[in-house]
Protein backbone atom coordinates (compact mmCIF):
# COMPACT_ATOMS: atom_id res chain seq x y z
CA MET A 1 27.97 7.91 7.34
CA ASP A 2 28.43 8.53 3.61
CA GLY A 3 27.25 4.99 2.83
CA PHE A 4 24.16 5.56 4.97
CA LEU A 5 23.28 8.80 3.20
CA VAL A 6 23.85 7.27 -0.23
CA ALA A 7 21.68 4.27 0.67
CA THR A 8 18.94 6.53 1.99
CA ALA A 9 18.98 8.90 -0.96
CA VAL A 10 19.15 6.22 -3.62
CA SER A 11 16.42 4.12 -1.93
CA PHE A 12 14.17 7.16 -1.52
CA ALA A 13 14.52 8.14 -5.18
CA VAL A 14 14.10 4.63 -6.61
CA ILE A 15 11.08 3.76 -4.47
CA PHE A 16 9.39 7.16 -4.88
CA VAL A 17 9.58 6.85 -8.69
CA ALA A 18 8.58 3.15 -8.64
CA GLU A 19 5.54 3.99 -6.51
CA LEU A 20 4.20 6.64 -8.89
CA GLY A 21 1.19 5.12 -10.64
CA ASP A 22 1.62 1.84 -8.71
CA LYS A 23 -1.45 -0.01 -7.43
CA SER A 24 -0.68 0.92 -3.79
CA GLN A 25 -0.63 4.60 -4.71
CA LEU A 26 -4.04 4.15 -6.31
CA MET A 27 -5.12 2.35 -3.12
CA ALA A 28 -3.96 5.36 -1.06
CA LEU A 29 -6.08 7.61 -3.27
CA THR A 30 -9.06 5.28 -2.84
CA PHE A 31 -8.72 5.05 0.95
CA ALA A 32 -8.34 8.83 1.17
CA THR A 33 -11.83 9.27 -0.31
CA ARG A 34 -13.27 7.05 2.44
CA PHE A 35 -11.24 7.90 5.59
CA LYS A 36 -9.54 10.87 7.16
CA PRO A 37 -5.99 11.51 5.83
CA LEU A 38 -4.09 10.95 9.09
CA PRO A 39 -5.32 7.37 9.75
CA VAL A 40 -4.66 6.51 6.11
CA LEU A 41 -1.14 7.86 6.33
CA ILE A 42 -0.49 6.09 9.62
CA GLY A 43 -1.72 2.77 8.19
CA ILE A 44 0.43 3.20 5.09
CA THR A 45 3.51 4.13 7.12
CA VAL A 46 3.23 1.21 9.54
CA ALA A 47 2.60 -1.36 6.76
CA THR A 48 5.38 0.06 4.61
CA ALA A 49 7.87 0.13 7.47
CA VAL A 50 7.15 -3.50 8.30
CA VAL A 51 7.21 -4.77 4.71
CA HIS A 52 10.38 -2.86 3.89
CA LEU A 53 12.04 -4.11 7.07
CA VAL A 54 11.30 -7.67 5.89
CA SER A 55 12.58 -6.71 2.43
CA VAL A 56 15.93 -5.40 3.66
CA GLY A 57 16.23 -8.41 5.93
CA VAL A 58 15.71 -10.72 3.00
CA GLY A 59 17.93 -8.70 0.67
CA TYR A 60 20.72 -7.95 3.10
CA GLY A 61 20.75 -11.07 5.25
CA LEU A 62 19.42 -13.91 3.18
CA GLY A 63 19.77 -12.84 -0.44
CA ALA A 64 16.53 -14.74 -1.27
CA THR A 65 12.94 -13.73 -2.03
CA LEU A 66 9.62 -14.63 -0.46
CA PRO A 67 7.23 -16.92 -2.35
CA THR A 68 5.52 -14.03 -4.07
CA GLY A 69 3.12 -16.11 -6.18
CA TRP A 70 1.17 -17.46 -3.21
CA ILE A 71 1.29 -14.10 -1.43
CA SER A 72 -0.15 -12.39 -4.52
CA LEU A 73 -2.92 -15.02 -4.71
CA VAL A 74 -3.97 -14.42 -1.06
CA ALA A 75 -3.80 -10.66 -1.59
CA ALA A 76 -5.90 -10.95 -4.81
CA ILE A 77 -8.65 -12.82 -2.97
CA ALA A 78 -8.58 -10.21 -0.20
CA PHE A 79 -8.90 -7.32 -2.66
CA LEU A 80 -11.78 -8.99 -4.52
CA ALA A 81 -13.50 -9.38 -1.16
CA PHE A 82 -12.80 -5.69 -0.34
CA GLY A 83 -14.38 -4.77 -3.67
CA ALA A 84 -17.54 -6.78 -2.96
CA TRP A 85 -17.70 -5.41 0.57
CA THR A 86 -17.37 -1.83 -0.69
CA LEU A 87 -20.03 -2.37 -3.34
CA ARG A 88 -22.45 -3.95 -0.87
CA GLY A 89 -21.99 -0.99 1.42
CA ASP A 90 -23.00 -0.60 5.01
CA LYS A 91 -25.86 1.39 6.50
CA LEU A 92 -24.90 3.48 9.46
CA THR A 93 -27.21 5.33 11.86
CA ASP A 94 -26.35 8.98 12.48
CA ASP A 95 -24.86 8.01 15.86
CA GLU A 96 -22.67 5.28 14.28
CA LYS A 97 -21.61 7.70 11.52
CA THR A 98 -20.50 10.28 14.10
CA LYS A 99 -18.51 7.63 16.01
CA ALA A 100 -16.91 6.29 12.80
CA GLU A 101 -15.79 9.78 11.76
CA ARG A 102 -14.13 10.25 15.15
CA SER A 103 -12.66 6.75 15.29
CA THR A 104 -9.31 6.20 13.63
CA GLY A 105 -8.44 2.71 14.86
CA SER A 106 -10.47 0.74 12.30
CA ALA A 107 -9.26 2.91 9.42
CA ILE A 108 -5.62 2.40 10.43
CA LEU A 109 -6.15 -1.35 10.64
CA ALA A 110 -8.00 -1.53 7.30
CA VAL A 111 -5.46 0.57 5.45
CA GLY A 112 -2.49 -1.06 7.15
CA GLY A 113 -3.72 -4.57 6.46
CA ALA A 114 -4.56 -3.80 2.84
CA PHE A 115 -1.18 -2.15 2.23
CA PHE A 116 0.69 -4.93 3.97
CA LEU A 117 -0.92 -7.53 1.68
CA ALA A 118 -0.54 -5.39 -1.42
CA GLU A 119 3.13 -4.67 -0.83
CA LEU A 120 4.18 -8.27 -0.25
CA GLY A 121 5.71 -9.34 -3.51
CA ASP A 122 5.13 -5.91 -5.12
CA LYS A 123 7.76 -4.25 -7.30
CA THR A 124 8.66 -1.82 -4.53
CA MET A 125 9.33 -4.71 -2.16
CA LEU A 126 11.46 -6.44 -4.77
CA ALA A 127 13.25 -3.15 -5.50
CA THR A 128 13.96 -2.73 -1.79
CA ILE A 129 15.34 -6.30 -1.60
CA THR A 130 17.59 -5.50 -4.55
CA LEU A 131 18.76 -2.18 -3.04
CA ALA A 132 19.49 -3.91 0.27
CA THR A 133 21.86 -6.36 -1.45
CA GLN A 134 23.95 -3.36 -2.57
CA TYR A 135 23.64 -0.85 0.31
CA GLY A 136 23.36 -0.96 4.08
CA TRP A 137 20.09 -2.27 5.49
CA PHE A 138 19.16 0.76 7.65
CA GLY A 139 19.66 3.43 4.99
CA THR A 140 17.82 1.30 2.44
CA TRP A 141 14.95 0.68 4.86
CA LEU A 142 14.70 4.36 5.85
CA GLY A 143 14.93 5.70 2.30
CA SER A 144 12.52 3.15 0.79
CA THR A 145 9.95 3.64 3.55
CA VAL A 146 10.04 7.44 3.36
CA GLY A 147 10.02 7.36 -0.45
CA MET A 148 6.91 5.19 -0.54
CA VAL A 149 5.08 7.17 2.14
CA ALA A 150 5.89 10.45 0.32
CA ALA A 151 4.49 9.11 -2.98
CA ASP A 152 1.38 7.81 -1.24
CA ALA A 153 0.91 11.07 0.66
CA LEU A 154 0.61 12.76 -2.75
CA ALA A 155 -2.15 10.28 -3.61
CA ILE A 156 -3.90 10.96 -0.29
CA LEU A 157 -3.91 14.70 -1.06
CA VAL A 158 -5.35 14.08 -4.52
CA GLY A 159 -7.94 11.65 -3.09
CA ARG A 160 -9.07 14.16 -0.48
CA LEU A 161 -9.43 16.91 -3.08
CA LEU A 162 -11.39 14.64 -5.43
CA GLY A 163 -13.49 13.23 -2.59
CA ARG A 164 -14.89 16.65 -1.77
CA HIS A 165 -16.28 17.06 -5.27
CA LEU A 166 -17.60 13.57 -5.99
CA PRO A 167 -21.02 12.22 -4.99
CA GLU A 168 -21.03 9.38 -2.45
CA LYS A 169 -22.31 6.83 -5.04
CA ALA A 170 -19.47 7.67 -7.43
CA ILE A 171 -16.93 7.19 -4.62
CA LYS A 172 -18.54 3.87 -3.61
CA TYR A 173 -18.57 2.45 -7.12
CA GLY A 174 -15.16 3.87 -7.99
CA ALA A 175 -13.61 2.43 -4.82
CA ALA A 176 -15.23 -0.95 -5.43
CA ALA A 177 -13.96 -0.95 -9.04
CA LEU A 178 -10.45 -0.08 -7.94
CA PHE A 179 -10.40 -2.86 -5.36
CA VAL A 180 -11.56 -5.33 -8.01
CA ILE A 181 -8.92 -4.03 -10.42
CA PHE A 182 -6.25 -4.48 -7.71
CA GLY A 183 -7.59 -7.97 -7.06
CA VAL A 184 -7.48 -8.96 -10.73
CA TRP A 185 -4.01 -7.38 -11.08
CA LEU A 186 -2.71 -9.40 -8.13
CA LEU A 187 -4.42 -12.54 -9.44
CA ILE A 188 -2.66 -12.18 -12.80
CA GLU A 189 0.66 -11.62 -11.03
CA ALA A 190 0.03 -14.73 -8.90
CA ILE A 191 -0.79 -16.89 -11.92
CA ILE A 192 2.29 -15.70 -13.76
CA GLU A 193 4.51 -16.25 -10.71
CA LEU A 194 3.08 -19.68 -9.89
CA ASN A 195 3.47 -20.85 -13.52
CA LYS A 196 7.19 -20.05 -13.67
């Protein structure tokens, strides 16, 4: 039990700190200005749990890493597309807007998919792989998942507070810019990784 607690505590602390200021925390802030907090948090939690489960499996069982260069390239293209989509915008009727505000399924899928792609090959995934080589898989998985969700929950809170005070156009352009920044960031990571 002591090993489990140590693995959980160390993983929580390392991933929480690594996530502060990370692109996925900025994504959480961005999504929080567009969707209700609960679907955003659910999407983040599911994506994080899955990615970190893969991470501990790789770190604990295989001791190898995923081909992060190609994953980063696919994620970069997706984020650039998200940026263009956000900038283009969609026109909703009042009825569609009411349904969208009540609906949480699409927000969970959008956030979960974006986070899943962003986290593959990210520093928190690599940190989780590294931690899993030194500690038990379950404690590492639990601590890293909770640490990341806690850091992103802070971003959601900040995003919701900012979103109430920003005009819709500022949110639209800001979100599009952040998605493009994430896309370029991932593209640079992919180029560096693929040229090694």
